[in-house]
């Protein structure tokens, strides 16, 4: 597994290198791991309950799903109530890719930039 984390300032670690205050989190997993990540599983990351989803395609032509979620109570997944999440899940035939954007209450909303980066610029390698 490979992953990238961009955290809020100051960063808050939660053991084993995990960050629950991350605003951007990306994972790349060998093989088809779609059942191991949300919404089907939680082996690698915990998220709020899904409130919406839609099919998407990256700039490189890989089909996936865009999910939205909202934290409905404090302490639910380590982030405060009202945190909104957008995450994407892709499988390109060789690897599973997971991209998460979390916006904590009071933070500037950059979800449009996140969506543009994933849907219009992202090209997933083999």
C-alpha atoms as a PDB file:
ATOM      1  CA  UNK A   1       0.000   0.000   0.000  1.00  0.00           C
ATOM      2  CA  UNK A   2       1.136   3.524  -0.773  1.00  0.00           C
ATOM      3  CA  UNK A   3      -0.526   6.630   0.559  1.00  0.00           C
ATOM      4  CA  UNK A   4      -0.337  10.410   0.679  1.00  0.00           C
ATOM      5  CA  UNK A   5      -1.622  12.622   3.485  1.00  0.00           C
ATOM      6  CA  UNK A   6      -1.987  16.408   3.638  1.00  0.00           C
ATOM      7  CA  UNK A   7      -2.900  17.496   7.159  1.00  0.00           C
ATOM      8  CA  UNK A   8      -4.306  20.591   8.788  1.00  0.00           C
ATOM      9  CA  UNK A   9      -2.002  22.884  10.722  1.00  0.00           C
ATOM     10  CA  UNK A  10      -0.886  21.723  13.205  1.00  0.00           C
ATOM     11  CA  UNK A  11      -0.870  18.050  12.147  1.00  0.00           C
ATOM     12  CA  UNK A  12      -2.479  15.608  14.557  1.00  0.00           C
ATOM     13  CA  UNK A  13      -1.194  12.032  14.424  1.00  0.00           C
ATOM     14  CA  UNK A  14      -3.287   9.119  15.653  1.00  0.00           C
ATOM     15  CA  UNK A  15      -0.798   6.240  15.891  1.00  0.00           C
ATOM     16  CA  UNK A  16       0.510   4.007  13.085  1.00  0.00           C
ATOM     17  CA  UNK A  17       0.957   7.121  10.947  1.00  0.00           C
ATOM     18  CA  UNK A  18      -2.792   7.740  10.556  1.00  0.00           C
ATOM     19  CA  UNK A  19      -4.235  11.246  10.513  1.00  0.00           C
ATOM     20  CA  UNK A  20      -7.873  11.929  11.293  1.00  0.00           C
ATOM     21  CA  UNK A  21      -7.564  15.665  10.649  1.00  0.00           C
ATOM     22  CA  UNK A  22      -6.296  15.142   7.102  1.00  0.00           C
ATOM     23  CA  UNK A  23      -7.972  17.218   4.428  1.00  0.00           C
ATOM     24  CA  UNK A  24      -6.517  15.094   1.620  1.00  0.00           C
ATOM     25  CA  UNK A  25      -5.758  11.407   1.772  1.00  0.00           C
ATOM     26  CA  UNK A  26      -4.915   9.113  -1.161  1.00  0.00           C
ATOM     27  CA  UNK A  27      -4.176   5.380  -1.275  1.00  0.00           C
ATOM     28  CA  UNK A  28      -2.940   3.040  -3.966  1.00  0.00           C
ATOM     29  CA  UNK A  29      -3.421  -0.678  -3.305  1.00  0.00           C
ATOM     30  CA  UNK A  30      -2.270  -3.641  -5.394  1.00  0.00           C
ATOM     31  CA  UNK A  31      -5.096  -5.641  -6.969  1.00  0.00           C
ATOM     32  CA  UNK A  32      -8.840  -5.246  -6.597  1.00  0.00           C
ATOM     33  CA  UNK A  33      -9.301  -3.974  -3.034  1.00  0.00           C
ATOM     34  CA  UNK A  34     -12.661  -2.259  -3.510  1.00  0.00           C
ATOM     35  CA  UNK A  35     -14.242  -4.484  -0.847  1.00  0.00           C
ATOM     36  CA  UNK A  36     -11.581  -3.426   1.682  1.00  0.00           C
ATOM     37  CA  UNK A  37     -12.219   0.322   1.569  1.00  0.00           C
ATOM     38  CA  UNK A  38     -15.369   2.341   2.237  1.00  0.00           C
ATOM     39  CA  UNK A  39     -18.192   2.031   1.697  1.00  0.00           C
ATOM     40  CA  UNK A  40     -17.875  -1.783   1.473  1.00  0.00           C
ATOM     41  CA  UNK A  41     -15.137  -2.181   4.108  1.00  0.00           C
ATOM     42  CA  UNK A  42     -13.051  -0.241   6.564  1.00  0.00           C
ATOM     43  CA  UNK A  43      -9.724  -2.031   6.618  1.00  0.00           C
ATOM     44  CA  UNK A  44      -7.720   1.038   5.633  1.00  0.00           C
ATOM     45  CA  UNK A  45      -9.760   4.110   6.576  1.00  0.00           C
ATOM     46  CA  UNK A  46     -12.904   4.944   8.533  1.00  0.00           C
ATOM     47  CA  UNK A  47     -15.458   7.331   7.079  1.00  0.00           C
ATOM     48  CA  UNK A  48     -18.827   8.800   7.894  1.00  0.00           C
ATOM     49  CA  UNK A  49     -21.967   7.129   6.499  1.00  0.00           C
ATOM     50  CA  UNK A  50     -22.465   7.644   2.755  1.00  0.00           C
ATOM     51  CA  UNK A  51     -25.253  10.067   1.834  1.00  0.00           C
ATOM     52  CA  UNK A  52     -24.745  10.067  -1.941  1.00  0.00           C
ATOM     53  CA  UNK A  53     -22.837   8.554  -4.834  1.00  0.00           C
ATOM     54  CA  UNK A  54     -22.424   8.889  -8.590  1.00  0.00           C
ATOM     55  CA  UNK A  55     -20.439   7.245 -11.363  1.00  0.00           C
ATOM     56  CA  UNK A  56     -17.428   9.218 -12.617  1.00  0.00           C
ATOM     57  CA  UNK A  57     -14.609   8.865 -15.145  1.00  0.00           C
ATOM     58  CA  UNK A  58     -11.058  10.198 -14.755  1.00  0.00           C
ATOM     59  CA  UNK A  59      -9.250  12.122 -17.471  1.00  0.00           C
ATOM     60  CA  UNK A  60      -7.444   8.868 -18.231  1.00  0.00           C
ATOM     61  CA  UNK A  61     -10.726   7.040 -18.848  1.00  0.00           C
ATOM     62  CA  UNK A  62     -10.875   4.948 -15.644  1.00  0.00           C
ATOM     63  CA  UNK A  63     -14.412   4.495 -14.310  1.00  0.00           C
ATOM     64  CA  UNK A  64     -15.104   4.871 -10.611  1.00  0.00           C
ATOM     65  CA  UNK A  65     -17.521   6.173  -8.010  1.00  0.00           C
ATOM     66  CA  UNK A  66     -17.674   9.517  -6.184  1.00  0.00           C
ATOM     67  CA  UNK A  67     -19.148   9.260  -2.668  1.00  0.00           C
ATOM     68  CA  UNK A  68     -20.278  11.978  -0.266  1.00  0.00           C
ATOM     69  CA  UNK A  69     -20.570  11.617   3.492  1.00  0.00           C
ATOM     70  CA  UNK A  70     -21.216  13.790   6.547  1.00  0.00           C
ATOM     71  CA  UNK A  71     -20.109  13.278  10.140  1.00  0.00           C
ATOM     72  CA  UNK A  72     -23.328  13.464  12.174  1.00  0.00           C
ATOM     73  CA  UNK A  73     -21.907  13.402  15.727  1.00  0.00           C
ATOM     74  CA  UNK A  74     -18.662  14.378  17.427  1.00  0.00           C
ATOM     75  CA  UNK A  75     -16.141  11.591  17.882  1.00  0.00           C
ATOM     76  CA  UNK A  76     -17.810   9.442  15.227  1.00  0.00           C
ATOM     77  CA  UNK A  77     -14.608   8.848  13.241  1.00  0.00           C
ATOM     78  CA  UNK A  78     -12.230  11.172  15.028  1.00  0.00           C
ATOM     79  CA  UNK A  79     -13.437  14.334  13.288  1.00  0.00           C
ATOM     80  CA  UNK A  80     -16.002  16.856  14.536  1.00  0.00           C
ATOM     81  CA  UNK A  81     -19.714  16.831  13.753  1.00  0.00           C
ATOM     82  CA  UNK A  82     -20.428  18.630  10.503  1.00  0.00           C
ATOM     83  CA  UNK A  83     -17.266  17.462   8.724  1.00  0.00           C
ATOM     84  CA  UNK A  84     -18.088  16.759   5.086  1.00  0.00           C
ATOM     85  CA  UNK A  85     -16.250  14.178   3.037  1.00  0.00           C
ATOM     86  CA  UNK A  86     -15.928  13.434  -0.652  1.00  0.00           C
ATOM     87  CA  UNK A  87     -14.136  10.316  -1.730  1.00  0.00           C
ATOM     88  CA  UNK A  88     -13.436   8.548  -4.965  1.00  0.00           C
ATOM     89  CA  UNK A  89     -12.832   4.863  -5.542  1.00  0.00           C
ATOM     90  CA  UNK A  90     -11.279   3.478  -8.743  1.00  0.00           C
ATOM     91  CA  UNK A  91      -9.985   0.135  -9.970  1.00  0.00           C
ATOM     92  CA  UNK A  92      -7.989   0.202 -13.204  1.00  0.00           C
ATOM     93  CA  UNK A  93      -7.611  -3.551 -13.627  1.00  0.00           C
ATOM     94  CA  UNK A  94      -4.347  -3.680 -11.668  1.00  0.00           C
ATOM     95  CA  UNK A  95      -4.643  -1.318  -8.674  1.00  0.00           C
ATOM     96  CA  UNK A  96      -7.311   0.159  -6.436  1.00  0.00           C
ATOM     97  CA  UNK A  97      -7.158   3.920  -5.886  1.00  0.00           C
ATOM     98  CA  UNK A  98      -8.905   5.822  -3.105  1.00  0.00           C
ATOM     99  CA  UNK A  99      -8.930   9.643  -2.816  1.00  0.00           C
ATOM    100  CA  UNK A 100     -10.495  11.455   0.149  1.00  0.00           C
ATOM    101  CA  UNK A 101     -11.176  15.141   0.788  1.00  0.00           C
ATOM    102  CA  UNK A 102     -12.418  16.115   4.257  1.00  0.00           C
ATOM    103  CA  UNK A 103     -13.606  19.616   5.136  1.00  0.00           C
ATOM    104  CA  UNK A 104     -13.914  20.300   8.830  1.00  0.00           C
ATOM    105  CA  UNK A 105     -16.480  22.857  10.007  1.00  0.00           C
ATOM    106  CA  UNK A 106     -15.209  26.390   9.442  1.00  0.00           C
ATOM    107  CA  UNK A 107     -12.607  25.412   6.844  1.00  0.00           C
ATOM    108  CA  UNK A 108     -12.632  26.883   3.355  1.00  0.00           C
ATOM    109  CA  UNK A 109     -14.435  24.622   0.874  1.00  0.00           C
ATOM    110  CA  UNK A 110     -12.105  23.458  -1.908  1.00  0.00           C
ATOM    111  CA  UNK A 111     -14.302  20.551  -3.018  1.00  0.00           C
ATOM    112  CA  UNK A 112     -14.696  22.002  -6.538  1.00  0.00           C
ATOM    113  CA  UNK A 113     -10.894  21.998  -6.926  1.00  0.00           C
ATOM    114  CA  UNK A 114     -10.693  18.458  -5.571  1.00  0.00           C
ATOM    115  CA  UNK A 115     -13.407  17.267  -7.991  1.00  0.00           C
ATOM    116  CA  UNK A 116     -11.688  18.969 -10.925  1.00  0.00           C
ATOM    117  CA  UNK A 117      -8.335  17.391 -10.048  1.00  0.00           C
ATOM    118  CA  UNK A 118      -9.849  13.904  -9.875  1.00  0.00           C
ATOM    119  CA  UNK A 119     -12.321  14.079 -12.751  1.00  0.00           C
ATOM    120  CA  UNK A 120     -10.511  16.286 -15.246  1.00  0.00           C
ATOM    121  CA  UNK A 121      -6.788  15.866 -14.586  1.00  0.00           C
ATOM    122  CA  UNK A 122      -6.176  12.490 -12.985  1.00  0.00           C
ATOM    123  CA  UNK A 123      -4.524   9.754 -15.035  1.00  0.00           C
ATOM    124  CA  UNK A 124      -4.000   6.493 -13.198  1.00  0.00           C
ATOM    125  CA  UNK A 125      -1.041   4.336 -14.205  1.00  0.00           C
ATOM    126  CA  UNK A 126      -0.920   0.560 -14.398  1.00  0.00           C
END
